[in-house]
Each structure stands twice: as C-alpha cells, then as structure tokens.
Amino acid sequence: MSKEGVKVVIMDREFTVACKKSEKEDLLEAAAHLDKQLRVVQAQSKVIGLEHTVVLAALNIANELLASRRDGVTDDDALERVRELRQRVSIVTGQSDASHL
C-alpha cells in the first residue's frame, strides 16, 4: 500500500506525517487526542516549556493505554466466568448449550 503525507496540527504547529491511506482517519484521531491532552496539561499545570508539557501528556496517554489493557483482561476473565456458569447451568438443567459466547 502506498503512503501519503497527511497534515496534522498539534499545539498550533503543522506536521506532515506519512501514513497508509487506510490509516489516515486513525492518525487524525490520534493527533486530535494528543493535541487535546497537551492543552489539558498546559492549562492545568504551571509547567514551563513544550518539552515538559509533552512528557506529561505522554505519561497521561501511556497511563490511559495501560488502564485500557488492564480493563481488557478483566473483560476476558468475566467472559470466561460467564461461559463456565452457562456450562454448569446446562449440566444441572440437563439442557445442551448449543450457543457459545
């Protein structure tokens, strides 16, 4: 797949980023999310300098990512428990459980 240059604006600065056409919307969404996080950090702290603002925003985004990964594991565990309960109910009631989660 060919790549194209996509212009994004982050903190009032324009950047051209090469990406696949199929990834353009994700890139634009990521840039908007980063811009929002940078502005939140800048507004909420007395941090001086773009470098410090970027580091704090990156830490916030990394924390969001790790939290969503942890939540994903919890969801998988819950799904497995539901499967086990359905199987137990099927055994107790004598019904075959043809449907699977």
Protein backbone atom coordinates (compact mmCIF):
# COMPACT_ATOMS: atom_id res chain seq x y z
CA MET A 1 0.00 0.00 0.00
CA SER A 2 1.27 3.46 -0.85
CA LYS A 3 1.73 6.14 1.74
CA GLU A 4 0.56 9.71 1.59
CA GLY A 5 1.50 12.83 3.50
CA VAL A 6 -1.16 13.83 5.98
CA LYS A 7 -1.07 17.24 7.62
CA VAL A 8 -1.94 17.40 11.30
CA VAL A 9 -1.96 20.38 13.63
CA ILE A 10 -0.74 19.90 17.18
CA MET A 11 -0.37 22.84 19.54
CA ASP A 12 -0.83 25.25 16.62
CA ARG A 13 2.06 23.63 14.75
CA GLU A 14 1.56 21.83 11.47
CA PHE A 15 3.24 18.48 10.84
CA THR A 16 3.18 16.29 7.75
CA VAL A 17 3.15 12.61 8.60
CA ALA A 18 3.43 9.76 6.11
CA CYS A 19 0.83 7.04 6.56
CA LYS A 20 -1.17 4.50 4.60
CA LYS A 21 -4.46 5.74 3.21
CA SER A 22 -6.29 3.18 5.34
CA GLU A 23 -4.69 4.64 8.49
CA LYS A 24 -5.43 8.31 7.78
CA GLU A 25 -8.53 8.60 9.99
CA ASP A 26 -6.76 6.88 12.89
CA LEU A 27 -3.81 9.26 12.51
CA LEU A 28 -6.08 12.31 12.52
CA GLU A 29 -7.88 10.99 15.60
CA ALA A 30 -4.58 10.31 17.36
CA ALA A 31 -3.31 13.81 16.54
CA ALA A 32 -6.51 15.38 17.87
CA HIS A 33 -6.24 13.30 21.06
CA LEU A 34 -2.61 14.32 21.54
CA ASP A 35 -3.43 17.98 20.93
CA LYS A 36 -6.24 17.82 23.48
CA GLN A 37 -4.03 16.14 26.08
CA LEU A 38 -1.25 18.67 25.57
CA ARG A 39 -3.69 21.54 26.03
CA VAL A 40 -5.15 19.97 29.17
CA VAL A 41 -1.69 19.53 30.70
CA GLN A 42 -0.72 23.05 29.72
CA ALA A 43 -3.90 24.52 31.22
CA GLN A 44 -3.77 22.51 34.45
CA SER A 45 -0.14 22.87 35.34
CA LYS A 46 2.39 25.57 35.75
CA VAL A 47 4.80 23.66 33.54
CA ILE A 48 7.01 25.91 31.56
CA GLY A 49 8.18 24.66 28.20
CA LEU A 50 6.77 22.48 25.50
CA GLU A 51 9.15 19.61 26.29
CA HIS A 52 7.82 19.19 29.83
CA THR A 53 4.24 19.50 28.59
CA VAL A 54 4.86 16.77 26.01
CA VAL A 55 6.38 14.44 28.60
CA LEU A 56 3.46 14.88 31.00
CA ALA A 57 0.90 14.38 28.20
CA ALA A 58 2.78 11.27 27.03
CA LEU A 59 2.65 9.87 30.56
CA ASN A 60 -1.10 10.53 30.74
CA ILE A 61 -1.67 8.80 27.39
CA ALA A 62 0.52 5.85 28.40
CA ASN A 63 -1.48 5.55 31.61
CA GLU A 64 -4.74 5.52 29.60
CA LEU A 65 -3.35 2.77 27.37
CA LEU A 66 -2.23 0.62 30.29
CA ALA A 67 -5.57 1.09 32.07
CA SER A 68 -7.49 0.05 28.96
CA ARG A 69 -5.29 -3.04 28.61
CA ARG A 70 -5.97 -3.96 32.24
CA ASP A 71 -9.69 -3.47 31.67
CA GLY A 72 -9.49 -5.75 28.63
CA VAL A 73 -8.04 -8.56 30.76
CA THR A 74 -10.84 -8.11 33.26
CA ASP A 75 -13.40 -8.37 30.48
CA ASP A 76 -11.80 -11.61 29.24
CA ASP A 77 -11.94 -13.04 32.76
CA ALA A 78 -15.60 -12.09 33.12
CA LEU A 79 -16.43 -13.68 29.77
CA GLU A 80 -14.73 -16.92 30.82
CA ARG A 81 -16.70 -16.96 34.10
CA VAL A 82 -19.95 -16.49 32.17
CA ARG A 83 -19.04 -19.41 29.91
CA GLU A 84 -18.35 -21.61 32.92
CA LEU A 85 -21.64 -20.62 34.56
CA ARG A 86 -23.59 -21.34 31.37
CA GLN A 87 -21.98 -24.75 31.17
CA ARG A 88 -22.84 -25.51 34.81
CA VAL A 89 -26.45 -24.40 34.29
CA SER A 90 -26.68 -26.61 31.22
CA ILE A 91 -25.40 -29.60 33.18
CA VAL A 92 -27.77 -29.00 36.09
CA THR A 93 -30.83 -28.45 33.88
CA GLY A 94 -29.93 -31.27 31.52
CA GLN A 95 -30.05 -28.96 28.52
CA SER A 96 -27.33 -28.86 25.93
CA ASP A 97 -25.85 -25.44 25.47
CA ALA A 98 -25.51 -25.11 21.72
CA SER A 99 -24.87 -21.38 21.82
CA HIS A 100 -21.41 -20.14 22.69
CA LEU A 101 -20.29 -16.74 23.88
